[in-house]
N, C-alpha and C. Protein backbone atom coordinates (compact mmCIF):
# COMPACT_ATOMS: atom_id res chain seq x y z
N UNK A 1 -117.27 20.68 70.62
CA UNK A 1 -117.08 19.27 70.32
C UNK A 1 -115.95 19.10 69.30
N UNK A 2 -115.08 18.18 69.58
CA UNK A 2 -114.00 17.93 68.63
C UNK A 2 -114.50 17.02 67.51
N UNK A 3 -113.81 17.08 66.39
CA UNK A 3 -114.17 16.17 65.31
C UNK A 3 -113.49 14.83 65.57
N UNK A 4 -114.01 13.81 64.96
CA UNK A 4 -113.45 12.48 65.12
C UNK A 4 -112.25 12.32 64.20
N UNK A 5 -111.07 12.13 64.80
CA UNK A 5 -109.86 11.96 64.00
C UNK A 5 -109.06 10.73 64.42
N UNK A 6 -108.93 10.53 65.74
CA UNK A 6 -108.07 9.46 66.24
C UNK A 6 -108.90 8.34 66.87
N UNK A 7 -108.69 7.12 66.37
CA UNK A 7 -109.43 5.96 66.86
C UNK A 7 -108.46 4.93 67.41
N UNK A 8 -108.71 4.50 68.64
CA UNK A 8 -107.97 3.40 69.24
C UNK A 8 -108.77 2.13 68.98
N UNK A 9 -108.17 1.16 68.29
CA UNK A 9 -108.86 -0.08 67.95
C UNK A 9 -108.22 -1.21 68.73
N UNK A 10 -109.01 -1.82 69.63
CA UNK A 10 -108.49 -2.89 70.48
C UNK A 10 -109.11 -4.20 70.00
N UNK A 11 -108.27 -5.05 69.40
CA UNK A 11 -108.73 -6.27 68.74
C UNK A 11 -107.59 -7.27 68.70
N UNK A 12 -107.86 -8.52 69.07
CA UNK A 12 -106.77 -9.51 69.13
C UNK A 12 -106.54 -10.25 67.82
N UNK A 13 -107.46 -10.18 66.85
CA UNK A 13 -107.32 -10.93 65.60
C UNK A 13 -106.59 -10.08 64.56
N UNK A 14 -105.40 -10.52 64.12
CA UNK A 14 -104.60 -9.73 63.17
C UNK A 14 -105.32 -9.44 61.85
N UNK A 15 -106.11 -10.40 61.36
CA UNK A 15 -106.84 -10.18 60.09
C UNK A 15 -107.87 -9.07 60.25
N UNK A 16 -108.60 -9.09 61.36
CA UNK A 16 -109.61 -8.05 61.61
C UNK A 16 -108.91 -6.70 61.81
N UNK A 17 -107.78 -6.71 62.51
CA UNK A 17 -107.01 -5.48 62.70
C UNK A 17 -106.68 -4.85 61.36
N UNK A 18 -106.15 -5.68 60.45
CA UNK A 18 -105.70 -5.19 59.15
C UNK A 18 -106.86 -4.62 58.34
N UNK A 19 -107.97 -5.36 58.27
CA UNK A 19 -109.13 -4.93 57.47
C UNK A 19 -109.72 -3.65 58.06
N UNK A 20 -109.89 -3.61 59.37
CA UNK A 20 -110.49 -2.43 60.00
C UNK A 20 -109.59 -1.21 59.86
N UNK A 21 -108.27 -1.40 60.05
CA UNK A 21 -107.35 -0.27 59.92
C UNK A 21 -107.38 0.29 58.51
N UNK A 22 -107.37 -0.59 57.52
CA UNK A 22 -107.44 -0.16 56.13
C UNK A 22 -108.76 0.58 55.88
N UNK A 23 -109.86 0.02 56.37
CA UNK A 23 -111.18 0.64 56.17
C UNK A 23 -111.26 2.01 56.83
N UNK A 24 -110.76 2.11 58.03
CA UNK A 24 -110.87 3.38 58.77
C UNK A 24 -109.89 4.44 58.26
N UNK A 25 -108.69 4.02 57.87
CA UNK A 25 -107.70 4.99 57.40
C UNK A 25 -107.93 5.36 55.93
N UNK A 26 -108.05 4.36 55.05
CA UNK A 26 -108.17 4.62 53.62
C UNK A 26 -109.54 5.19 53.25
N UNK A 27 -110.59 4.61 53.81
CA UNK A 27 -111.94 5.05 53.46
C UNK A 27 -112.37 6.23 54.33
N UNK A 28 -112.08 6.15 55.63
CA UNK A 28 -112.57 7.17 56.55
C UNK A 28 -111.62 8.33 56.80
N UNK A 29 -110.33 8.14 56.49
CA UNK A 29 -109.37 9.21 56.72
C UNK A 29 -108.98 9.40 58.18
N UNK A 30 -109.23 8.39 59.00
CA UNK A 30 -108.92 8.49 60.43
C UNK A 30 -107.48 8.04 60.70
N UNK A 31 -106.96 8.46 61.84
CA UNK A 31 -105.69 7.95 62.35
C UNK A 31 -106.04 6.82 63.31
N UNK A 32 -105.50 5.64 63.06
CA UNK A 32 -105.86 4.46 63.86
C UNK A 32 -104.64 3.91 64.58
N UNK A 33 -104.80 3.68 65.87
CA UNK A 33 -103.77 3.01 66.68
C UNK A 33 -104.36 1.66 67.06
N UNK A 34 -103.64 0.58 66.77
CA UNK A 34 -104.14 -0.75 67.08
C UNK A 34 -103.46 -1.30 68.32
N UNK A 35 -104.26 -1.89 69.18
CA UNK A 35 -103.75 -2.62 70.34
C UNK A 35 -104.30 -4.04 70.25
N UNK A 36 -103.46 -5.02 70.53
CA UNK A 36 -103.86 -6.42 70.39
C UNK A 36 -104.44 -7.02 71.67
N UNK A 37 -104.44 -6.24 72.75
CA UNK A 37 -104.97 -6.76 74.02
C UNK A 37 -105.42 -5.60 74.91
N UNK A 38 -106.20 -5.93 75.91
CA UNK A 38 -106.62 -4.93 76.88
C UNK A 38 -105.43 -4.32 77.60
N UNK A 39 -104.47 -5.17 77.95
CA UNK A 39 -103.28 -4.69 78.65
C UNK A 39 -102.49 -3.71 77.79
N UNK A 40 -102.36 -4.01 76.51
CA UNK A 40 -101.65 -3.12 75.60
C UNK A 40 -102.41 -1.79 75.48
N UNK A 41 -103.73 -1.87 75.44
CA UNK A 41 -104.55 -0.65 75.35
C UNK A 41 -104.35 0.22 76.58
N UNK A 42 -104.31 -0.40 77.76
CA UNK A 42 -104.11 0.37 78.98
C UNK A 42 -102.73 1.03 79.00
N UNK A 43 -101.76 0.39 78.37
CA UNK A 43 -100.40 0.93 78.34
C UNK A 43 -100.26 2.08 77.36
N UNK A 44 -101.07 2.13 76.30
CA UNK A 44 -100.86 3.13 75.25
C UNK A 44 -101.99 4.14 75.09
N UNK A 45 -103.16 3.87 75.63
CA UNK A 45 -104.34 4.70 75.34
C UNK A 45 -104.17 6.16 75.74
N UNK A 46 -103.67 6.42 76.95
CA UNK A 46 -103.56 7.82 77.40
C UNK A 46 -102.59 8.61 76.53
N UNK A 47 -101.50 8.00 76.15
CA UNK A 47 -100.51 8.68 75.32
C UNK A 47 -101.08 8.99 73.93
N UNK A 48 -101.85 8.05 73.37
CA UNK A 48 -102.44 8.25 72.04
C UNK A 48 -103.59 9.26 72.09
N UNK A 49 -104.28 9.34 73.22
CA UNK A 49 -105.40 10.27 73.42
C UNK A 49 -106.45 10.17 72.30
N UNK A 50 -107.10 9.00 72.19
CA UNK A 50 -108.07 8.81 71.11
C UNK A 50 -109.33 9.65 71.30
N UNK A 51 -109.98 9.97 70.17
CA UNK A 51 -111.30 10.61 70.22
C UNK A 51 -112.37 9.56 70.45
N UNK A 52 -112.08 8.32 70.03
CA UNK A 52 -113.03 7.22 70.09
C UNK A 52 -112.27 5.92 70.26
N UNK A 53 -112.89 4.97 70.96
CA UNK A 53 -112.29 3.65 71.13
C UNK A 53 -113.22 2.60 70.53
N UNK A 54 -112.69 1.79 69.64
CA UNK A 54 -113.39 0.62 69.12
C UNK A 54 -112.83 -0.58 69.87
N UNK A 55 -113.71 -1.35 70.50
CA UNK A 55 -113.25 -2.36 71.45
C UNK A 55 -113.91 -3.71 71.19
N UNK A 56 -113.08 -4.71 70.93
CA UNK A 56 -113.55 -6.08 70.75
C UNK A 56 -114.06 -6.59 72.11
N UNK A 57 -115.12 -7.38 72.11
CA UNK A 57 -115.66 -7.93 73.36
C UNK A 57 -114.88 -9.16 73.80
N UNK A 58 -114.68 -10.10 72.86
CA UNK A 58 -114.07 -11.39 73.19
C UNK A 58 -112.57 -11.35 72.89
N UNK A 59 -111.77 -11.25 73.94
CA UNK A 59 -110.32 -11.27 73.78
C UNK A 59 -109.74 -12.15 74.88
N UNK A 60 -108.63 -12.83 74.58
CA UNK A 60 -107.99 -13.63 75.64
C UNK A 60 -107.40 -12.71 76.71
N UNK A 61 -107.30 -13.22 77.91
CA UNK A 61 -106.78 -12.40 78.99
C UNK A 61 -107.85 -11.45 79.47
N UNK A 62 -107.67 -10.18 79.20
CA UNK A 62 -108.63 -9.16 79.62
C UNK A 62 -109.66 -8.95 78.50
N UNK A 63 -110.93 -9.27 78.76
CA UNK A 63 -111.95 -9.11 77.72
C UNK A 63 -112.35 -7.64 77.58
N UNK A 64 -113.19 -7.38 76.59
CA UNK A 64 -113.60 -6.01 76.30
C UNK A 64 -114.27 -5.29 77.47
N UNK A 65 -115.29 -5.90 78.10
CA UNK A 65 -115.93 -5.22 79.24
C UNK A 65 -114.95 -4.88 80.37
N UNK A 66 -114.01 -5.79 80.66
CA UNK A 66 -113.01 -5.52 81.71
C UNK A 66 -112.09 -4.39 81.28
N UNK A 67 -111.67 -4.41 80.02
CA UNK A 67 -110.82 -3.35 79.48
C UNK A 67 -111.52 -2.01 79.58
N UNK A 68 -112.81 -1.98 79.23
CA UNK A 68 -113.59 -0.74 79.31
C UNK A 68 -113.61 -0.20 80.74
N UNK A 69 -113.86 -1.07 81.70
CA UNK A 69 -113.90 -0.64 83.11
C UNK A 69 -112.56 -0.03 83.53
N UNK A 70 -111.46 -0.67 83.10
CA UNK A 70 -110.13 -0.16 83.45
C UNK A 70 -109.85 1.18 82.77
N UNK A 71 -110.24 1.32 81.51
CA UNK A 71 -110.04 2.59 80.80
C UNK A 71 -110.84 3.71 81.46
N UNK A 72 -112.06 3.39 81.90
CA UNK A 72 -112.92 4.41 82.51
C UNK A 72 -112.38 4.92 83.85
N UNK A 73 -111.49 4.16 84.47
CA UNK A 73 -110.90 4.58 85.75
C UNK A 73 -109.85 5.67 85.56
N UNK A 74 -109.42 5.87 84.33
CA UNK A 74 -108.37 6.86 84.04
C UNK A 74 -109.02 8.18 83.66
N UNK A 75 -108.73 9.24 84.41
CA UNK A 75 -109.38 10.54 84.14
C UNK A 75 -109.26 11.02 82.70
N UNK A 76 -108.12 10.80 82.07
CA UNK A 76 -107.92 11.27 80.69
C UNK A 76 -108.79 10.52 79.69
N UNK A 77 -109.27 9.33 80.07
CA UNK A 77 -110.04 8.48 79.15
C UNK A 77 -111.48 8.27 79.61
N UNK A 78 -111.82 8.75 80.79
CA UNK A 78 -113.13 8.45 81.39
C UNK A 78 -114.31 8.85 80.50
N UNK A 79 -114.14 9.92 79.73
CA UNK A 79 -115.24 10.40 78.89
C UNK A 79 -115.05 10.08 77.41
N UNK A 80 -114.05 9.26 77.08
CA UNK A 80 -113.82 8.88 75.69
C UNK A 80 -114.90 7.88 75.27
N UNK A 81 -115.65 8.18 74.20
CA UNK A 81 -116.69 7.24 73.79
C UNK A 81 -116.12 5.91 73.30
N UNK A 82 -116.86 4.85 73.62
CA UNK A 82 -116.43 3.50 73.26
C UNK A 82 -117.54 2.81 72.47
N UNK A 83 -117.15 2.15 71.38
CA UNK A 83 -118.06 1.31 70.60
C UNK A 83 -117.53 -0.11 70.69
N UNK A 84 -118.38 -1.02 71.15
CA UNK A 84 -117.98 -2.43 71.16
C UNK A 84 -118.15 -3.01 69.76
N UNK A 85 -117.25 -3.91 69.37
CA UNK A 85 -117.37 -4.67 68.12
C UNK A 85 -117.41 -6.14 68.51
N UNK A 86 -118.50 -6.82 68.10
CA UNK A 86 -118.67 -8.20 68.53
C UNK A 86 -119.64 -8.95 67.63
N UNK A 87 -119.49 -10.27 67.62
CA UNK A 87 -120.46 -11.12 66.92
C UNK A 87 -121.65 -11.40 67.84
N UNK A 88 -121.50 -11.09 69.13
CA UNK A 88 -122.57 -11.36 70.09
C UNK A 88 -123.47 -10.14 70.19
N UNK A 89 -124.51 -10.13 69.36
CA UNK A 89 -125.36 -8.94 69.28
C UNK A 89 -126.84 -9.24 69.53
N UNK A 90 -127.12 -10.24 70.34
CA UNK A 90 -128.50 -10.44 70.75
C UNK A 90 -128.90 -9.26 71.63
N UNK A 91 -130.19 -8.97 71.68
CA UNK A 91 -130.63 -7.74 72.34
C UNK A 91 -130.13 -7.62 73.78
N UNK A 92 -130.23 -8.69 74.54
CA UNK A 92 -129.79 -8.61 75.94
C UNK A 92 -128.28 -8.37 76.05
N UNK A 93 -127.52 -8.89 75.08
CA UNK A 93 -126.07 -8.66 75.08
C UNK A 93 -125.76 -7.20 74.77
N UNK A 94 -126.42 -6.65 73.76
CA UNK A 94 -126.23 -5.25 73.39
C UNK A 94 -126.61 -4.35 74.57
N UNK A 95 -127.72 -4.67 75.25
CA UNK A 95 -128.13 -3.87 76.41
C UNK A 95 -127.06 -3.90 77.51
N UNK A 96 -126.42 -5.05 77.69
CA UNK A 96 -125.33 -5.15 78.69
C UNK A 96 -124.17 -4.24 78.32
N UNK A 97 -123.79 -4.24 77.03
CA UNK A 97 -122.67 -3.40 76.59
C UNK A 97 -122.98 -1.92 76.79
N UNK A 98 -124.21 -1.53 76.47
CA UNK A 98 -124.61 -0.13 76.65
C UNK A 98 -124.64 0.23 78.13
N UNK A 99 -125.07 -0.72 78.96
CA UNK A 99 -125.11 -0.48 80.41
C UNK A 99 -123.70 -0.28 80.97
N UNK A 100 -122.71 -0.90 80.33
CA UNK A 100 -121.31 -0.74 80.76
C UNK A 100 -120.75 0.63 80.39
N UNK A 101 -121.45 1.34 79.50
CA UNK A 101 -120.99 2.67 79.12
C UNK A 101 -120.65 2.83 77.65
N UNK A 102 -120.81 1.78 76.85
CA UNK A 102 -120.56 1.91 75.40
C UNK A 102 -121.63 2.79 74.78
N UNK A 103 -121.27 3.53 73.73
CA UNK A 103 -122.27 4.38 73.06
C UNK A 103 -123.02 3.61 71.98
N UNK A 104 -122.45 2.47 71.52
CA UNK A 104 -123.12 1.66 70.52
C UNK A 104 -122.35 0.36 70.34
N UNK A 105 -122.89 -0.50 69.47
CA UNK A 105 -122.28 -1.79 69.18
C UNK A 105 -122.28 -1.99 67.65
N UNK A 106 -121.14 -2.38 67.11
CA UNK A 106 -121.05 -2.72 65.70
C UNK A 106 -120.88 -4.24 65.63
N UNK A 107 -121.72 -4.88 64.82
CA UNK A 107 -121.66 -6.34 64.77
C UNK A 107 -120.57 -6.82 63.83
N UNK A 108 -120.00 -7.95 64.19
CA UNK A 108 -119.02 -8.63 63.35
C UNK A 108 -119.74 -9.82 62.71
N UNK A 109 -119.39 -10.21 61.51
CA UNK A 109 -118.43 -9.51 60.67
C UNK A 109 -119.00 -8.18 60.17
N UNK A 110 -118.14 -7.17 60.07
CA UNK A 110 -118.56 -5.85 59.59
C UNK A 110 -118.19 -5.71 58.13
N UNK A 111 -118.80 -4.75 57.46
CA UNK A 111 -118.50 -4.48 56.06
C UNK A 111 -117.40 -3.42 56.01
N UNK A 112 -116.21 -3.77 55.51
CA UNK A 112 -115.10 -2.81 55.48
C UNK A 112 -115.44 -1.52 54.73
N UNK A 113 -116.28 -1.63 53.70
CA UNK A 113 -116.60 -0.44 52.91
C UNK A 113 -117.52 0.53 53.65
N UNK A 114 -118.26 0.05 54.65
CA UNK A 114 -119.17 0.94 55.37
C UNK A 114 -118.75 1.18 56.82
N UNK A 115 -117.66 0.55 57.25
CA UNK A 115 -117.25 0.69 58.65
C UNK A 115 -117.02 2.15 59.05
N UNK A 116 -116.28 2.89 58.25
CA UNK A 116 -115.97 4.28 58.63
C UNK A 116 -117.24 5.14 58.67
N UNK A 117 -118.18 4.92 57.75
CA UNK A 117 -119.42 5.71 57.79
C UNK A 117 -120.29 5.28 58.97
N UNK A 118 -120.25 3.99 59.33
CA UNK A 118 -120.96 3.51 60.52
C UNK A 118 -120.42 4.21 61.76
N UNK A 119 -119.10 4.22 61.88
CA UNK A 119 -118.44 4.87 63.02
C UNK A 119 -118.78 6.36 63.04
N UNK A 120 -118.72 7.01 61.89
CA UNK A 120 -119.02 8.45 61.81
C UNK A 120 -120.47 8.73 62.22
N UNK A 121 -121.38 7.87 61.81
CA UNK A 121 -122.80 8.06 62.15
C UNK A 121 -123.03 7.88 63.65
N UNK A 122 -122.39 6.89 64.24
CA UNK A 122 -122.51 6.67 65.69
C UNK A 122 -121.92 7.86 66.44
N UNK A 123 -120.75 8.32 66.00
CA UNK A 123 -120.09 9.49 66.60
C UNK A 123 -121.02 10.70 66.55
N UNK A 124 -121.60 10.94 65.37
CA UNK A 124 -122.47 12.11 65.19
C UNK A 124 -123.69 12.00 66.09
N UNK A 125 -124.28 10.82 66.17
CA UNK A 125 -125.46 10.62 67.00
C UNK A 125 -125.12 10.85 68.48
N UNK A 126 -123.98 10.34 68.90
CA UNK A 126 -123.54 10.48 70.30
C UNK A 126 -123.23 11.94 70.65
N UNK A 127 -122.81 12.71 69.64
CA UNK A 127 -122.42 14.09 69.88
C UNK A 127 -123.49 15.09 69.42
N UNK A 128 -124.61 14.57 68.96
CA UNK A 128 -125.71 15.44 68.54
C UNK A 128 -125.42 16.27 67.32
N UNK A 129 -124.61 15.73 66.40
CA UNK A 129 -124.30 16.46 65.17
C UNK A 129 -124.56 15.56 63.97
N UNK A 130 -124.43 16.12 62.80
CA UNK A 130 -124.59 15.32 61.58
C UNK A 130 -123.26 14.67 61.22
N UNK A 131 -123.33 13.47 60.65
CA UNK A 131 -122.09 12.81 60.23
C UNK A 131 -121.58 13.49 58.97
N UNK A 132 -120.26 13.35 58.75
CA UNK A 132 -119.64 14.06 57.63
C UNK A 132 -119.87 13.40 56.32
C-alpha cells in the first residue's frame, strides 16, 4: 500500500479551494492539485496520478457524481479512492455517495485545522492501516 501524498481536489468555489489547499498542504504535508470543474479534473487527473481524490458534489456543469463515474472509466484512476465533500449529508444522501463508489463523505463546512487528519483517518480506514 502506498502512503497518501498526492490529493486531487475538485471544487468550484475559490474560497474553499484556498482554505482546503492550505489545510492539506500546510497542516497535512500533502501535495494538492486543484481542479475547478469535473471537465478540468478529467483533463488533468491521469497526469497528476493522485493517491486520493476529494470531490465536491454540487458543481456547475458536471456534478460530483457524474465526474466520479467518468473518472472510474479510466483504468489509471479506476481504483483511486474518492471522498465526497458536501453540505448534503443526510443519511440517504451519504448512502447514495457510498453506493457510487466513494470511500467516505466529509461534510461542509469543514474545519481547516482537522481536515488533513480527517482525510488521513479515512485513508487509513480504507486501507486497513493506522493514520499517521
